[in-house]
Amino acid sequence: MWWATPDRSAGFGWSVCISGVLRASWRAGMGAGLMRLSGDGFNSFTRGIVVPVSVTFGPFEHTNGLLKPVRLVFEEAYIFRGFNGADFGNTVTTFDTHGGEWRPSFKIAYDFPSPAAVARRFVRSAKASAERAGVGARRL
């Protein structure tokens, strides 16, 4: 995960997540990772992050259309040590999370297939077309 803001501060996050299928179209998981923040006017720093709950719902998972890979994701993350203005080079502000910070998020995601999945689908489609054309004996 990577993000940037108009004031040229940037962040990079790395995490590991474990998830499982609860029921058709529903998944749940948890994760942990490290977030690095850097930018003009302040020294780079890192924060640990833990995601105790991540829930994903695929409302169109049982269809064959373009909406099939659409996912709705809710996560609750905890960022260790939190933030204050001085972390970002601002010693005037009174902004301070006073320790760790909980960050809920809601996302609408689109799961693009991996190149390997696209290749497998192409090969299956080519084989099916060849069989329909009567050339099933040839190997593709």
N, C-alpha and C. Protein backbone atom coordinates (compact mmCIF):
# COMPACT_ATOMS: atom_id res chain seq x y z
N MET A 1 0.84 -1.16 0.00
CA MET A 1 0.00 0.00 0.00
C MET A 1 0.89 1.24 0.00
N TRP A 2 0.54 2.23 -0.83
CA TRP A 2 1.32 3.47 -0.91
C TRP A 2 0.33 4.61 -1.08
N TRP A 3 0.63 5.75 -0.50
CA TRP A 3 -0.22 6.92 -0.67
C TRP A 3 0.62 8.18 -0.62
N ALA A 4 0.08 9.27 -1.17
CA ALA A 4 0.77 10.56 -1.17
C ALA A 4 -0.27 11.65 -0.98
N THR A 5 0.17 12.80 -0.47
CA THR A 5 -0.73 13.93 -0.23
C THR A 5 -0.21 15.15 -0.98
N PRO A 6 -1.07 16.17 -1.19
CA PRO A 6 -0.63 17.37 -1.93
C PRO A 6 0.56 18.09 -1.30
N ASP A 7 0.75 17.96 0.03
CA ASP A 7 1.87 18.65 0.66
C ASP A 7 3.18 17.86 0.56
N ARG A 8 3.20 16.87 -0.32
CA ARG A 8 4.39 16.07 -0.64
C ARG A 8 4.83 15.15 0.49
N SER A 9 3.96 14.91 1.46
CA SER A 9 4.28 13.86 2.43
C SER A 9 3.79 12.56 1.81
N ALA A 10 4.42 11.50 2.15
CA ALA A 10 4.07 10.22 1.54
C ALA A 10 4.16 9.12 2.58
N GLY A 11 3.50 8.04 2.29
CA GLY A 11 3.56 6.92 3.20
C GLY A 11 3.66 5.62 2.44
N PHE A 12 4.19 4.64 3.10
CA PHE A 12 4.29 3.31 2.53
C PHE A 12 3.95 2.34 3.63
N GLY A 13 3.09 1.40 3.35
CA GLY A 13 2.71 0.42 4.36
C GLY A 13 2.96 -1.00 3.89
N TRP A 14 3.35 -1.82 4.80
CA TRP A 14 3.57 -3.23 4.52
C TRP A 14 2.83 -4.01 5.59
N SER A 15 2.08 -5.03 5.20
CA SER A 15 1.36 -5.79 6.20
C SER A 15 1.17 -7.23 5.74
N VAL A 16 0.87 -8.06 6.70
CA VAL A 16 0.55 -9.47 6.45
C VAL A 16 -0.86 -9.68 6.98
N CYS A 17 -1.69 -10.32 6.19
CA CYS A 17 -3.08 -10.52 6.60
C CYS A 17 -3.44 -11.99 6.45
N ILE A 18 -4.19 -12.49 7.40
CA ILE A 18 -4.70 -13.86 7.35
C ILE A 18 -6.21 -13.75 7.30
N SER A 19 -6.84 -14.44 6.34
CA SER A 19 -8.29 -14.38 6.25
C SER A 19 -8.86 -15.73 5.88
N GLY A 20 -10.14 -15.87 6.11
CA GLY A 20 -10.83 -17.12 5.79
C GLY A 20 -12.25 -16.83 5.36
N VAL A 21 -12.86 -17.77 4.68
CA VAL A 21 -14.23 -17.62 4.20
C VAL A 21 -15.19 -17.98 5.33
N LEU A 22 -16.05 -17.04 5.69
CA LEU A 22 -17.05 -17.29 6.72
C LEU A 22 -18.25 -18.02 6.13
N ARG A 23 -18.68 -17.52 5.01
CA ARG A 23 -19.86 -18.00 4.33
C ARG A 23 -19.76 -17.52 2.89
N ALA A 24 -20.55 -18.04 2.00
CA ALA A 24 -20.48 -17.58 0.62
C ALA A 24 -20.54 -16.06 0.57
N SER A 25 -19.63 -15.46 -0.13
CA SER A 25 -19.51 -14.00 -0.33
C SER A 25 -18.95 -13.24 0.86
N TRP A 26 -18.74 -13.87 2.00
CA TRP A 26 -18.23 -13.19 3.20
C TRP A 26 -16.87 -13.73 3.58
N ARG A 27 -15.93 -12.85 3.89
CA ARG A 27 -14.60 -13.24 4.37
C ARG A 27 -14.26 -12.39 5.60
N ALA A 28 -13.45 -12.94 6.48
CA ALA A 28 -12.99 -12.19 7.65
C ALA A 28 -11.53 -12.50 7.86
N GLY A 29 -10.82 -11.55 8.43
CA GLY A 29 -9.40 -11.77 8.66
C GLY A 29 -8.83 -10.76 9.63
N MET A 30 -7.52 -10.86 9.81
CA MET A 30 -6.77 -9.95 10.67
C MET A 30 -5.38 -9.80 10.10
N GLY A 31 -4.66 -8.79 10.56
CA GLY A 31 -3.32 -8.58 10.01
C GLY A 31 -2.48 -7.69 10.90
N ALA A 32 -1.23 -7.53 10.50
CA ALA A 32 -0.28 -6.67 11.21
C ALA A 32 0.75 -6.18 10.21
N GLY A 33 1.38 -5.04 10.51
CA GLY A 33 2.37 -4.54 9.57
C GLY A 33 3.11 -3.34 10.09
N LEU A 34 3.76 -2.65 9.18
CA LEU A 34 4.59 -1.51 9.48
C LEU A 34 4.28 -0.40 8.48
N MET A 35 4.14 0.82 8.97
CA MET A 35 3.83 1.96 8.14
C MET A 35 4.98 2.96 8.23
N ARG A 36 5.51 3.39 7.08
CA ARG A 36 6.61 4.36 7.04
C ARG A 36 6.08 5.65 6.43
N LEU A 37 6.33 6.78 7.10
CA LEU A 37 5.90 8.08 6.62
C LEU A 37 7.11 8.96 6.39
N SER A 38 7.10 9.72 5.28
CA SER A 38 8.22 10.60 4.96
C SER A 38 7.69 11.80 4.19
N GLY A 39 8.46 12.88 4.17
CA GLY A 39 8.04 14.06 3.43
C GLY A 39 8.95 15.23 3.67
N ASP A 40 8.66 16.33 2.98
CA ASP A 40 9.42 17.56 3.15
C ASP A 40 9.12 18.16 4.52
N GLY A 41 10.14 18.57 5.23
CA GLY A 41 9.95 19.27 6.50
C GLY A 41 9.92 18.40 7.73
N PHE A 42 10.07 17.10 7.58
CA PHE A 42 10.14 16.24 8.75
C PHE A 42 10.95 14.99 8.43
N ASN A 43 11.51 14.40 9.45
CA ASN A 43 12.29 13.17 9.29
C ASN A 43 11.35 11.99 9.12
N SER A 44 11.76 11.03 8.31
CA SER A 44 10.96 9.82 8.12
C SER A 44 10.80 9.09 9.45
N PHE A 45 9.66 8.44 9.61
CA PHE A 45 9.44 7.64 10.81
C PHE A 45 8.50 6.49 10.49
N THR A 46 8.46 5.51 11.37
CA THR A 46 7.62 4.34 11.17
C THR A 46 6.69 4.15 12.36
N ARG A 47 5.60 3.44 12.11
CA ARG A 47 4.66 3.06 13.15
C ARG A 47 4.20 1.63 12.87
N GLY A 48 4.07 0.87 13.93
CA GLY A 48 3.49 -0.46 13.80
C GLY A 48 1.98 -0.34 13.67
N ILE A 49 1.39 -1.28 12.99
CA ILE A 49 -0.06 -1.26 12.79
C ILE A 49 -0.59 -2.69 12.94
N VAL A 50 -1.75 -2.82 13.57
CA VAL A 50 -2.41 -4.11 13.70
C VAL A 50 -3.86 -3.94 13.25
N VAL A 51 -4.36 -4.93 12.54
CA VAL A 51 -5.74 -4.92 12.05
C VAL A 51 -6.44 -6.11 12.71
N PRO A 52 -7.12 -5.87 13.86
CA PRO A 52 -7.75 -6.99 14.55
C PRO A 52 -8.99 -7.52 13.84
N VAL A 53 -9.60 -6.70 12.98
CA VAL A 53 -10.78 -7.17 12.25
C VAL A 53 -10.81 -6.56 10.85
N SER A 54 -11.04 -7.43 9.89
CA SER A 54 -11.22 -7.04 8.50
C SER A 54 -12.33 -7.93 7.94
N VAL A 55 -13.41 -7.31 7.46
CA VAL A 55 -14.55 -8.05 6.93
C VAL A 55 -14.76 -7.63 5.49
N THR A 56 -14.89 -8.61 4.60
CA THR A 56 -15.07 -8.36 3.18
C THR A 56 -16.35 -9.04 2.71
N PHE A 57 -17.14 -8.32 1.92
CA PHE A 57 -18.37 -8.86 1.36
C PHE A 57 -18.34 -8.67 -0.15
N GLY A 58 -18.56 -9.75 -0.89
CA GLY A 58 -18.62 -9.70 -2.34
C GLY A 58 -20.05 -9.88 -2.81
N PRO A 59 -20.83 -8.79 -2.93
CA PRO A 59 -22.26 -8.92 -3.24
C PRO A 59 -22.56 -9.53 -4.61
N PHE A 60 -21.62 -9.44 -5.54
CA PHE A 60 -21.87 -9.96 -6.89
C PHE A 60 -21.01 -11.19 -7.19
N GLU A 61 -20.50 -11.83 -6.16
CA GLU A 61 -19.57 -12.94 -6.32
C GLU A 61 -20.15 -14.12 -7.10
N HIS A 62 -21.47 -14.27 -7.09
CA HIS A 62 -22.10 -15.41 -7.75
C HIS A 62 -22.64 -15.07 -9.13
N THR A 63 -22.16 -13.96 -9.71
CA THR A 63 -22.56 -13.57 -11.05
C THR A 63 -21.38 -13.77 -12.00
N ASN A 64 -21.61 -13.60 -13.27
CA ASN A 64 -20.55 -13.76 -14.26
C ASN A 64 -20.17 -12.45 -14.94
N GLY A 65 -20.70 -11.35 -14.49
CA GLY A 65 -20.46 -10.07 -15.14
C GLY A 65 -19.23 -9.34 -14.63
N LEU A 66 -19.11 -8.11 -15.08
CA LEU A 66 -17.97 -7.27 -14.70
C LEU A 66 -18.00 -6.88 -13.22
N LEU A 67 -19.15 -7.00 -12.57
CA LEU A 67 -19.26 -6.64 -11.16
C LEU A 67 -18.81 -7.76 -10.22
N LYS A 68 -18.57 -8.94 -10.76
CA LYS A 68 -18.20 -10.08 -9.91
C LYS A 68 -17.04 -9.77 -8.97
N PRO A 69 -15.95 -9.09 -9.39
CA PRO A 69 -14.82 -8.84 -8.49
C PRO A 69 -15.00 -7.65 -7.54
N VAL A 70 -16.18 -7.01 -7.50
CA VAL A 70 -16.40 -5.88 -6.61
C VAL A 70 -16.52 -6.39 -5.17
N ARG A 71 -15.81 -5.75 -4.27
CA ARG A 71 -15.82 -6.13 -2.86
C ARG A 71 -16.07 -4.89 -2.00
N LEU A 72 -16.79 -5.07 -0.92
CA LEU A 72 -16.97 -4.04 0.10
C LEU A 72 -16.14 -4.48 1.30
N VAL A 73 -15.27 -3.60 1.80
CA VAL A 73 -14.33 -3.97 2.86
C VAL A 73 -14.46 -3.01 4.04
N PHE A 74 -14.60 -3.57 5.23
CA PHE A 74 -14.55 -2.78 6.46
C PHE A 74 -13.37 -3.28 7.29
N GLU A 75 -12.53 -2.35 7.75
CA GLU A 75 -11.39 -2.70 8.60
C GLU A 75 -11.30 -1.74 9.78
N GLU A 76 -10.83 -2.26 10.87
CA GLU A 76 -10.52 -1.46 12.05
C GLU A 76 -9.04 -1.68 12.32
N ALA A 77 -8.24 -0.61 12.25
CA ALA A 77 -6.79 -0.72 12.43
C ALA A 77 -6.35 0.10 13.64
N TYR A 78 -5.31 -0.38 14.30
CA TYR A 78 -4.73 0.36 15.43
C TYR A 78 -3.29 0.69 15.07
N ILE A 79 -2.95 2.00 15.14
CA ILE A 79 -1.59 2.46 14.84
C ILE A 79 -0.90 2.75 16.17
N PHE A 80 0.18 2.02 16.43
CA PHE A 80 0.90 2.16 17.69
C PHE A 80 1.59 3.52 17.77
N ARG A 81 1.71 4.06 18.95
CA ARG A 81 2.38 5.32 19.28
C ARG A 81 1.68 6.55 18.74
N GLY A 82 0.74 6.44 17.84
CA GLY A 82 -0.01 7.58 17.35
C GLY A 82 0.85 8.65 16.70
N PHE A 83 0.31 9.87 16.64
CA PHE A 83 0.97 10.98 15.96
C PHE A 83 0.79 12.27 16.74
N ASN A 84 1.69 13.21 16.51
CA ASN A 84 1.49 14.58 16.98
C ASN A 84 2.08 15.51 15.94
N GLY A 85 1.84 16.82 16.09
CA GLY A 85 2.30 17.79 15.10
C GLY A 85 3.80 17.76 14.88
N ALA A 86 4.57 17.58 15.95
CA ALA A 86 6.04 17.57 15.83
C ALA A 86 6.53 16.43 14.94
N ASP A 87 5.78 15.31 14.89
CA ASP A 87 6.17 14.20 14.00
C ASP A 87 6.26 14.66 12.55
N PHE A 88 5.44 15.65 12.20
CA PHE A 88 5.38 16.15 10.83
C PHE A 88 6.02 17.52 10.68
N GLY A 89 6.85 17.92 11.65
CA GLY A 89 7.59 19.17 11.56
C GLY A 89 6.82 20.40 11.99
N ASN A 90 5.64 20.23 12.59
CA ASN A 90 4.84 21.37 13.03
C ASN A 90 4.85 21.42 14.56
N THR A 91 5.62 22.35 15.12
CA THR A 91 5.71 22.46 16.58
C THR A 91 4.70 23.44 17.15
N VAL A 92 3.91 24.11 16.30
CA VAL A 92 2.93 25.10 16.76
C VAL A 92 1.60 24.43 17.09
N THR A 93 1.20 23.43 16.33
CA THR A 93 -0.11 22.80 16.51
C THR A 93 -0.19 22.04 17.83
N THR A 94 -1.41 21.91 18.32
CA THR A 94 -1.65 21.10 19.52
C THR A 94 -2.14 19.71 19.16
N PHE A 95 -2.14 19.39 17.85
CA PHE A 95 -2.59 18.07 17.41
C PHE A 95 -1.77 16.98 18.08
N ASP A 96 -2.47 16.03 18.70
CA ASP A 96 -1.80 14.91 19.36
C ASP A 96 -2.82 13.80 19.56
N THR A 97 -2.50 12.60 19.14
CA THR A 97 -3.43 11.48 19.34
C THR A 97 -3.26 10.85 20.72
N HIS A 98 -2.30 11.34 21.51
CA HIS A 98 -2.06 10.85 22.88
C HIS A 98 -1.91 9.33 22.91
N GLY A 99 -0.93 8.86 22.21
CA GLY A 99 -0.68 7.41 22.16
C GLY A 99 -1.21 6.82 20.88
N GLY A 100 -1.64 5.60 20.95
CA GLY A 100 -2.12 4.90 19.75
C GLY A 100 -3.39 5.51 19.18
N GLU A 101 -3.70 5.12 17.96
CA GLU A 101 -4.85 5.68 17.27
C GLU A 101 -5.62 4.58 16.56
N TRP A 102 -6.93 4.51 16.77
CA TRP A 102 -7.81 3.58 16.06
C TRP A 102 -8.26 4.25 14.76
N ARG A 103 -8.18 3.51 13.64
CA ARG A 103 -8.55 4.04 12.33
C ARG A 103 -9.52 3.09 11.64
N PRO A 104 -10.83 3.36 11.72
CA PRO A 104 -11.77 2.53 10.95
C PRO A 104 -11.73 2.96 9.49
N SER A 105 -12.00 2.03 8.59
CA SER A 105 -12.05 2.38 7.17
C SER A 105 -13.08 1.52 6.45
N PHE A 106 -13.64 2.08 5.41
CA PHE A 106 -14.57 1.38 4.53
C PHE A 106 -14.08 1.60 3.11
N LYS A 107 -14.00 0.51 2.35
CA LYS A 107 -13.49 0.61 0.98
C LYS A 107 -14.41 -0.13 0.02
N ILE A 108 -14.43 0.35 -1.20
CA ILE A 108 -15.03 -0.39 -2.30
C ILE A 108 -13.85 -0.82 -3.16
N ALA A 109 -13.65 -2.12 -3.28
CA ALA A 109 -12.47 -2.65 -3.97
C ALA A 109 -12.88 -3.43 -5.21
N TYR A 110 -11.96 -3.51 -6.15
CA TYR A 110 -12.14 -4.30 -7.36
C TYR A 110 -10.94 -5.23 -7.46
N ASP A 111 -11.18 -6.53 -7.35
CA ASP A 111 -10.09 -7.52 -7.39
C ASP A 111 -9.75 -7.88 -8.83
N PHE A 112 -8.67 -7.28 -9.33
CA PHE A 112 -8.21 -7.62 -10.67
C PHE A 112 -7.60 -9.02 -10.63
N PRO A 113 -7.83 -9.83 -11.66
CA PRO A 113 -7.24 -11.17 -11.66
C PRO A 113 -5.72 -11.11 -11.87
N SER A 114 -5.04 -12.10 -11.34
CA SER A 114 -3.59 -12.18 -11.53
C SER A 114 -3.29 -12.55 -12.98
N PRO A 115 -2.10 -12.25 -13.48
CA PRO A 115 -1.75 -12.64 -14.85
C PRO A 115 -1.86 -14.16 -15.05
N ALA A 116 -1.53 -14.94 -14.02
CA ALA A 116 -1.64 -16.40 -14.14
C ALA A 116 -3.10 -16.83 -14.32
N ALA A 117 -4.01 -16.19 -13.60
CA ALA A 117 -5.43 -16.51 -13.73
C ALA A 117 -5.94 -16.14 -15.12
N VAL A 118 -5.50 -15.01 -15.64
CA VAL A 118 -5.90 -14.60 -16.99
C VAL A 118 -5.38 -15.60 -18.01
N ALA A 119 -4.13 -16.06 -17.86
CA ALA A 119 -3.56 -17.04 -18.78
C ALA A 119 -4.32 -18.36 -18.73
N ARG A 120 -4.65 -18.82 -17.51
CA ARG A 120 -5.42 -20.07 -17.39
C ARG A 120 -6.78 -19.96 -18.06
N ARG A 121 -7.45 -18.82 -17.87
CA ARG A 121 -8.75 -18.61 -18.48
C ARG A 121 -8.63 -18.61 -20.00
N PHE A 122 -7.57 -17.98 -20.53
CA PHE A 122 -7.34 -17.94 -21.97
C PHE A 122 -7.12 -19.34 -22.53
N VAL A 123 -6.29 -20.14 -21.84
CA VAL A 123 -6.01 -21.51 -22.31
C VAL A 123 -7.28 -22.35 -22.29
N ARG A 124 -8.08 -22.25 -21.20
CA ARG A 124 -9.33 -23.00 -21.12
C ARG A 124 -10.27 -22.60 -22.26
N SER A 125 -10.35 -21.31 -22.52
CA SER A 125 -11.23 -20.82 -23.57
C SER A 125 -10.75 -21.32 -24.94
N ALA A 126 -9.44 -21.30 -25.16
CA ALA A 126 -8.89 -21.77 -26.44
C ALA A 126 -9.15 -23.26 -26.61
N LYS A 127 -8.99 -24.04 -25.55
CA LYS A 127 -9.26 -25.49 -25.63
C LYS A 127 -10.73 -25.75 -25.94
N ALA A 128 -11.62 -25.01 -25.26
CA ALA A 128 -13.05 -25.20 -25.49
C ALA A 128 -13.41 -24.84 -26.93
N SER A 129 -12.84 -23.76 -27.46
CA SER A 129 -13.10 -23.36 -28.85
C SER A 129 -12.60 -24.41 -29.82
N ALA A 130 -11.42 -24.98 -29.54
CA ALA A 130 -10.85 -26.01 -30.41
C ALA A 130 -11.71 -27.26 -30.40
N GLU A 131 -12.22 -27.63 -29.23
CA GLU A 131 -13.08 -28.82 -29.15
C GLU A 131 -14.39 -28.60 -29.89
N ARG A 132 -14.95 -27.41 -29.79
CA ARG A 132 -16.18 -27.11 -30.52
C ARG A 132 -15.94 -27.13 -32.03
N ALA A 133 -14.74 -26.76 -32.44
CA ALA A 133 -14.41 -26.74 -33.87
C ALA A 133 -14.01 -28.12 -34.37
N GLY A 134 -13.93 -29.11 -33.48
CA GLY A 134 -13.62 -30.46 -33.91
C GLY A 134 -12.14 -30.77 -33.97
N VAL A 135 -11.31 -30.01 -33.33
CA VAL A 135 -9.88 -30.28 -33.34
C VAL A 135 -9.41 -30.66 -31.93
N GLY A 136 -10.24 -31.40 -31.22
CA GLY A 136 -9.93 -31.78 -29.83
C GLY A 136 -8.73 -32.70 -29.72
N ALA A 137 -8.36 -33.38 -30.81
CA ALA A 137 -7.25 -34.31 -30.74
C ALA A 137 -5.91 -33.57 -30.71
N ARG A 138 -5.88 -32.37 -31.25
CA ARG A 138 -4.63 -31.59 -31.22
C ARG A 138 -4.39 -31.03 -29.84
N ARG A 139 -3.18 -30.93 -29.47
CA ARG A 139 -2.83 -30.40 -28.15
C ARG A 139 -2.51 -28.90 -28.28
N LEU A 140 -3.10 -28.11 -27.37
CA LEU A 140 -2.83 -26.66 -27.38
C LEU A 140 -1.78 -26.33 -26.39
